[in-house]
Amino acid sequence: MSQTDIGRMTEKVGWGDQRKIAVLIKRNQFPPHDVRIGSTKGWKRETIDKWFKEVVENSLQKK
């Protein structure tokens, strides 16, 4: 999954967008990428699903 794909996922649930994901990556508050092609980072679906449940869903439940 690309940063754009992840941004779209979080945007659908009202948690953030691609810019928020970019900030989290720069602050090392995001899971390490699983693959890199050139300068493009990518994540496995399993990695993002786990992160989504741990971070996004928990954050949304607190609101």
PDB file of N, CA and C in Angstrom:
ATOM      1  N   MET A   1       0.844  -1.172   0.000  1.00  0.00           N
ATOM      2  CA  MET A   1       0.000   0.000   0.000  1.00  0.00           C
ATOM      3  C   MET A   1       0.892   1.238   0.000  1.00  0.00           C
ATOM      4  N   SER A   2       0.466   2.224  -0.706  1.00  0.00           N
ATOM      5  CA  SER A   2       1.227   3.463  -0.766  1.00  0.00           C
ATOM      6  C   SER A   2       0.728   4.453   0.281  1.00  0.00           C
ATOM      7  N   GLN A   3       1.476   5.501   0.479  1.00  0.00           N
ATOM      8  CA  GLN A   3       1.078   6.568   1.391  1.00  0.00           C
ATOM      9  C   GLN A   3      -0.260   7.159   0.956  1.00  0.00           C
ATOM     10  N   THR A   4      -0.476   7.273  -0.338  1.00  0.00           N
ATOM     11  CA  THR A   4      -1.738   7.790  -0.869  1.00  0.00           C
ATOM     12  C   THR A   4      -2.896   6.871  -0.503  1.00  0.00           C
ATOM     13  N   ASP A   5      -2.703   5.559  -0.662  1.00  0.00           N
ATOM     14  CA  ASP A   5      -3.753   4.595  -0.308  1.00  0.00           C
ATOM     15  C   ASP A   5      -4.114   4.697   1.171  1.00  0.00           C
ATOM     16  N   ILE A   6      -3.110   4.817   2.002  1.00  0.00           N
ATOM     17  CA  ILE A   6      -3.337   4.895   3.444  1.00  0.00           C
ATOM     18  C   ILE A   6      -4.050   6.198   3.798  1.00  0.00           C
ATOM     19  N   GLY A   7      -3.657   7.275   3.145  1.00  0.00           N
ATOM     20  CA  GLY A   7      -4.321   8.561   3.358  1.00  0.00           C
ATOM     21  C   GLY A   7      -5.791   8.501   2.981  1.00  0.00           C
ATOM     22  N   ARG A   8      -6.091   7.825   1.902  1.00  0.00           N
ATOM     23  CA  ARG A   8      -7.493   7.678   1.488  1.00  0.00           C
ATOM     24  C   ARG A   8      -8.288   6.866   2.509  1.00  0.00           C
ATOM     25  N   MET A   9      -7.657   5.809   3.044  1.00  0.00           N
ATOM     26  CA  MET A   9      -8.314   4.990   4.076  1.00  0.00           C
ATOM     27  C   MET A   9      -8.686   5.826   5.289  1.00  0.00           C
ATOM     28  N   THR A  10      -7.731   6.612   5.772  1.00  0.00           N
ATOM     29  CA  THR A  10      -7.982   7.401   6.981  1.00  0.00           C
ATOM     30  C   THR A  10      -8.950   8.550   6.700  1.00  0.00           C
ATOM     31  N   GLU A  11      -8.918   9.068   5.493  1.00  0.00           N
ATOM     32  CA  GLU A  11      -9.834  10.150   5.126  1.00  0.00           C
ATOM     33  C   GLU A  11     -11.280   9.667   5.112  1.00  0.00           C
ATOM     34  N   LYS A  12     -11.497   8.435   4.676  1.00  0.00           N
ATOM     35  CA  LYS A  12     -12.855   7.875   4.624  1.00  0.00           C
ATOM     36  C   LYS A  12     -13.500   7.797   5.998  1.00  0.00           C
ATOM     37  N   VAL A  13     -12.699   7.573   7.024  1.00  0.00           N
ATOM     38  CA  VAL A  13     -13.255   7.470   8.377  1.00  0.00           C
ATOM     39  C   VAL A  13     -13.148   8.783   9.149  1.00  0.00           C
ATOM     40  N   GLY A  14     -12.660   9.824   8.485  1.00  0.00           N
ATOM     41  CA  GLY A  14     -12.593  11.143   9.105  1.00  0.00           C
ATOM     42  C   GLY A  14     -11.442  11.326  10.082  1.00  0.00           C
ATOM     43  N   TRP A  15     -10.366  10.575   9.924  1.00  0.00           N
ATOM     44  CA  TRP A  15      -9.252  10.648  10.855  1.00  0.00           C
ATOM     45  C   TRP A  15      -8.111  11.516  10.355  1.00  0.00           C
ATOM     46  N   GLY A  16      -7.967  11.654   9.072  1.00  0.00           N
ATOM     47  CA  GLY A  16      -6.850  12.423   8.527  1.00  0.00           C
ATOM     48  C   GLY A  16      -6.773  12.244   7.028  1.00  0.00           C
ATOM     49  N   ASP A  17      -5.653  12.631   6.467  1.00  0.00           N
ATOM     50  CA  ASP A  17      -5.462  12.514   5.029  1.00  0.00           C
ATOM     51  C   ASP A  17      -3.997  12.190   4.745  1.00  0.00           C
ATOM     52  N   GLN A  18      -3.618  12.272   3.496  1.00  0.00           N
ATOM     53  CA  GLN A  18      -2.251  11.925   3.098  1.00  0.00           C
ATOM     54  C   GLN A  18      -1.220  12.822   3.780  1.00  0.00           C
ATOM     55  N   ARG A  19      -1.554  14.071   3.998  1.00  0.00           N
ATOM     56  CA  ARG A  19      -0.611  14.980   4.667  1.00  0.00           C
ATOM     57  C   ARG A  19      -0.340  14.541   6.103  1.00  0.00           C
ATOM     58  N   LYS A  20      -1.395  14.100   6.792  1.00  0.00           N
ATOM     59  CA  LYS A  20      -1.221  13.634   8.170  1.00  0.00           C
ATOM     60  C   LYS A  20      -0.337  12.388   8.201  1.00  0.00           C
ATOM     61  N   ILE A  21      -0.536  11.497   7.233  1.00  0.00           N
ATOM     62  CA  ILE A  21       0.287  10.295   7.148  1.00  0.00           C
ATOM     63  C   ILE A  21       1.746  10.690   6.903  1.00  0.00           C
ATOM     64  N   ALA A  22       1.973  11.653   6.024  1.00  0.00           N
ATOM     65  CA  ALA A  22       3.339  12.116   5.732  1.00  0.00           C
ATOM     66  C   ALA A  22       4.010  12.665   6.989  1.00  0.00           C
ATOM     67  N   VAL A  23       3.270  13.410   7.784  1.00  0.00           N
ATOM     68  CA  VAL A  23       3.816  13.964   9.028  1.00  0.00           C
ATOM     69  C   VAL A  23       4.163  12.840  10.002  1.00  0.00           C
ATOM     70  N   LEU A  24       3.272  11.860  10.131  1.00  0.00           N
ATOM     71  CA  LEU A  24       3.534  10.730  11.028  1.00  0.00           C
ATOM     72  C   LEU A  24       4.785   9.962  10.599  1.00  0.00           C
ATOM     73  N   ILE A  25       4.950   9.779   9.298  1.00  0.00           N
ATOM     74  CA  ILE A  25       6.133   9.078   8.778  1.00  0.00           C
ATOM     75  C   ILE A  25       7.395   9.867   9.125  1.00  0.00           C
ATOM     76  N   LYS A  26       7.378  11.176   8.898  1.00  0.00           N
ATOM     77  CA  LYS A  26       8.559  12.006   9.182  1.00  0.00           C
ATOM     78  C   LYS A  26       8.896  12.034  10.661  1.00  0.00           C
ATOM     79  N   ARG A  27       7.874  11.909  11.519  1.00  0.00           N
ATOM     80  CA  ARG A  27       8.094  11.928  12.967  1.00  0.00           C
ATOM     81  C   ARG A  27       8.379  10.530  13.528  1.00  0.00           C
ATOM     82  N   ASN A  28       8.516   9.541  12.642  1.00  0.00           N
ATOM     83  CA  ASN A  28       8.750   8.155  13.056  1.00  0.00           C
ATOM     84  C   ASN A  28       7.644   7.627  13.960  1.00  0.00           C
ATOM     85  N   GLN A  29       6.413   8.066  13.718  1.00  0.00           N
ATOM     86  CA  GLN A  29       5.246   7.605  14.469  1.00  0.00           C
ATOM     87  C   GLN A  29       4.378   6.706  13.593  1.00  0.00           C
ATOM     88  N   PHE A  30       5.003   6.040  12.653  1.00  0.00           N
ATOM     89  CA  PHE A  30       4.304   5.194  11.695  1.00  0.00           C
ATOM     90  C   PHE A  30       5.108   3.912  11.542  1.00  0.00           C
ATOM     91  N   PRO A  31       4.457   2.791  11.267  1.00  0.00           N
ATOM     92  CA  PRO A  31       5.220   1.544  11.122  1.00  0.00           C
ATOM     93  C   PRO A  31       6.274   1.667  10.020  1.00  0.00           C
ATOM     94  N   PRO A  32       7.413   1.013  10.212  1.00  0.00           N
ATOM     95  CA  PRO A  32       8.438   1.041   9.164  1.00  0.00           C
ATOM     96  C   PRO A  32       7.903   0.418   7.870  1.00  0.00           C
ATOM     97  N   HIS A  33       8.351   0.939   6.756  1.00  0.00           N
ATOM     98  CA  HIS A  33       7.886   0.421   5.471  1.00  0.00           C
ATOM     99  C   HIS A  33       8.362  -1.020   5.272  1.00  0.00           C
ATOM    100  N   ASP A  34       7.571  -1.781   4.536  1.00  0.00           N
ATOM    101  CA  ASP A  34       7.899  -3.186   4.260  1.00  0.00           C
ATOM    102  C   ASP A  34       8.693  -3.344   2.977  1.00  0.00           C
ATOM    103  N   VAL A  35       8.558  -2.386   2.072  1.00  0.00           N
ATOM    104  CA  VAL A  35       9.245  -2.453   0.783  1.00  0.00           C
ATOM    105  C   VAL A  35       9.586  -1.028   0.350  1.00  0.00           C
ATOM    106  N   ARG A  36      10.640  -0.934  -0.427  1.00  0.00           N
ATOM    107  CA  ARG A  36      11.028   0.370  -0.978  1.00  0.00           C
ATOM    108  C   ARG A  36      11.452   0.163  -2.415  1.00  0.00           C
ATOM    109  N   ILE A  37      10.843   0.929  -3.291  1.00  0.00           N
ATOM    110  CA  ILE A  37      11.206   0.893  -4.706  1.00  0.00           C
ATOM    111  C   ILE A  37      11.672   2.297  -5.064  1.00  0.00           C
ATOM    112  N   GLY A  38      12.949   2.438  -5.243  1.00  0.00           N
ATOM    113  CA  GLY A  38      13.513   3.772  -5.439  1.00  0.00           C
ATOM    114  C   GLY A  38      13.332   4.556  -4.157  1.00  0.00           C
ATOM    115  N   SER A  39      12.692   5.705  -4.255  1.00  0.00           N
ATOM    116  CA  SER A  39      12.427   6.501  -3.055  1.00  0.00           C
ATOM    117  C   SER A  39      11.003   6.298  -2.538  1.00  0.00           C
ATOM    118  N   THR A  40      10.248   5.426  -3.198  1.00  0.00           N
ATOM    119  CA  THR A  40       8.855   5.196  -2.820  1.00  0.00           C
ATOM    120  C   THR A  40       8.756   4.076  -1.788  1.00  0.00           C
ATOM    121  N   LYS A  41       8.087   4.387  -0.673  1.00  0.00           N
ATOM    122  CA  LYS A  41       7.898   3.408   0.395  1.00  0.00           C
ATOM    123  C   LYS A  41       6.550   2.718   0.216  1.00  0.00           C
ATOM    124  N   GLY A  42       6.495   1.472   0.668  1.00  0.00           N
ATOM    125  CA  GLY A  42       5.254   0.725   0.597  1.00  0.00           C
ATOM    126  C   GLY A  42       5.077  -0.147   1.825  1.00  0.00           C
ATOM    127  N   TRP A  43       3.829  -0.443   2.148  1.00  0.00           N
ATOM    128  CA  TRP A  43       3.505  -1.239   3.319  1.00  0.00           C
ATOM    129  C   TRP A  43       2.596  -2.389   2.920  1.00  0.00           C
ATOM    130  N   LYS A  44       2.765  -3.512   3.605  1.00  0.00           N
ATOM    131  CA  LYS A  44       1.868  -4.644   3.399  1.00  0.00           C
ATOM    132  C   LYS A  44       0.513  -4.312   4.010  1.00  0.00           C
ATOM    133  N   ARG A  45      -0.520  -4.893   3.456  1.00  0.00           N
ATOM    134  CA  ARG A  45      -1.879  -4.681   3.961  1.00  0.00           C
ATOM    135  C   ARG A  45      -1.958  -5.074   5.443  1.00  0.00           C
ATOM    136  N   GLU A  46      -1.298  -6.168   5.816  1.00  0.00           N
ATOM    137  CA  GLU A  46      -1.328  -6.640   7.202  1.00  0.00           C
ATOM    138  C   GLU A  46      -0.723  -5.607   8.155  1.00  0.00           C
ATOM    139  N   THR A  47       0.350  -4.977   7.733  1.00  0.00           N
ATOM    140  CA  THR A  47       1.007  -3.953   8.556  1.00  0.00           C
ATOM    141  C   THR A  47       0.073  -2.784   8.795  1.00  0.00           C
ATOM    142  N   ILE A  48      -0.583  -2.336   7.733  1.00  0.00           N
ATOM    143  CA  ILE A  48      -1.472  -1.177   7.847  1.00  0.00           C
ATOM    144  C   ILE A  48      -2.742  -1.532   8.602  1.00  0.00           C
ATOM    145  N   ASP A  49      -3.279  -2.731   8.386  1.00  0.00           N
ATOM    146  CA  ASP A  49      -4.474  -3.146   9.123  1.00  0.00           C
ATOM    147  C   ASP A  49      -4.208  -3.145  10.628  1.00  0.00           C
ATOM    148  N   LYS A  50      -3.049  -3.656  11.024  1.00  0.00           N
ATOM    149  CA  LYS A  50      -2.681  -3.680  12.444  1.00  0.00           C
ATOM    150  C   LYS A  50      -2.546  -2.261  12.983  1.00  0.00           C
ATOM    151  N   TRP A  51      -1.843  -1.402  12.255  1.00  0.00           N
ATOM    152  CA  TRP A  51      -1.673  -0.006  12.669  1.00  0.00           C
ATOM    153  C   TRP A  51      -3.030   0.694  12.751  1.00  0.00           C
ATOM    154  N   PHE A  52      -3.885   0.457  11.762  1.00  0.00           N
ATOM    155  CA  PHE A  52      -5.201   1.094  11.706  1.00  0.00           C
ATOM    156  C   PHE A  52      -6.011   0.745  12.954  1.00  0.00           C
ATOM    157  N   LYS A  53      -6.013  -0.526  13.319  1.00  0.00           N
ATOM    158  CA  LYS A  53      -6.765  -0.955  14.507  1.00  0.00           C
ATOM    159  C   LYS A  53      -6.186  -0.365  15.783  1.00  0.00           C
ATOM    160  N   GLU A  54      -4.861  -0.372  15.890  1.00  0.00           N
ATOM    161  CA  GLU A  54      -4.210   0.106  17.107  1.00  0.00           C
ATOM    162  C   GLU A  54      -4.286   1.620  17.273  1.00  0.00           C
ATOM    163  N   VAL A  55      -4.149   2.345  16.188  1.00  0.00           N
ATOM    164  CA  VAL A  55      -4.039   3.811  16.295  1.00  0.00           C
ATOM    165  C   VAL A  55      -5.330   4.512  15.882  1.00  0.00           C
ATOM    166  N   VAL A  56      -5.784   4.270  14.682  1.00  0.00           N
ATOM    167  CA  VAL A  56      -6.917   5.031  14.151  1.00  0.00           C
ATOM    168  C   VAL A  56      -8.205   4.667  14.875  1.00  0.00           C
ATOM    169  N   GLU A  57      -8.524   3.392  14.967  1.00  0.00           N
ATOM    170  CA  GLU A  57      -9.777   3.002  15.607  1.00  0.00           C
ATOM    171  C   GLU A  57      -9.804   3.399  17.067  1.00  0.00           C
ATOM    172  N   ASN A  58      -8.690   3.234  17.774  1.00  0.00           N
ATOM    173  CA  ASN A  58      -8.634   3.657  19.177  1.00  0.00           C
ATOM    174  C   ASN A  58      -8.823   5.155  19.322  1.00  0.00           C
ATOM    175  N   SER A  59      -8.239   5.905  18.427  1.00  0.00           N
ATOM    176  CA  SER A  59      -8.375   7.361  18.448  1.00  0.00           C
ATOM    177  C   SER A  59      -9.822   7.782  18.194  1.00  0.00           C
ATOM    178  N   LEU A  60     -10.467   7.118  17.247  1.00  0.00           N
ATOM    179  CA  LEU A  60     -11.853   7.445  16.923  1.00  0.00           C
ATOM    180  C   LEU A  60     -12.798   7.070  18.062  1.00  0.00           C
ATOM    181  N   GLN A  61     -12.501   6.008  18.792  1.00  0.00           N
ATOM    182  CA  GLN A  61     -13.343   5.578  19.908  1.00  0.00           C
ATOM    183  C   GLN A  61     -13.270   6.563  21.063  1.00  0.00           C
ATOM    184  N   LYS A  62     -12.144   7.244  21.208  1.00  0.00           N
ATOM    185  CA  LYS A  62     -11.973   8.203  22.306  1.00  0.00           C
ATOM    186  C   LYS A  62     -12.740   9.490  22.071  1.00  0.00           C
ATOM    187  N   LYS A  63     -13.109   9.761  20.823  1.00  0.00           N
ATOM    188  CA  LYS A  63     -13.807  11.021  20.509  1.00  0.00           C
ATOM    189  C   LYS A  63     -15.240  10.978  20.954  1.00  0.00           C
TER     190      LYS A  63
END
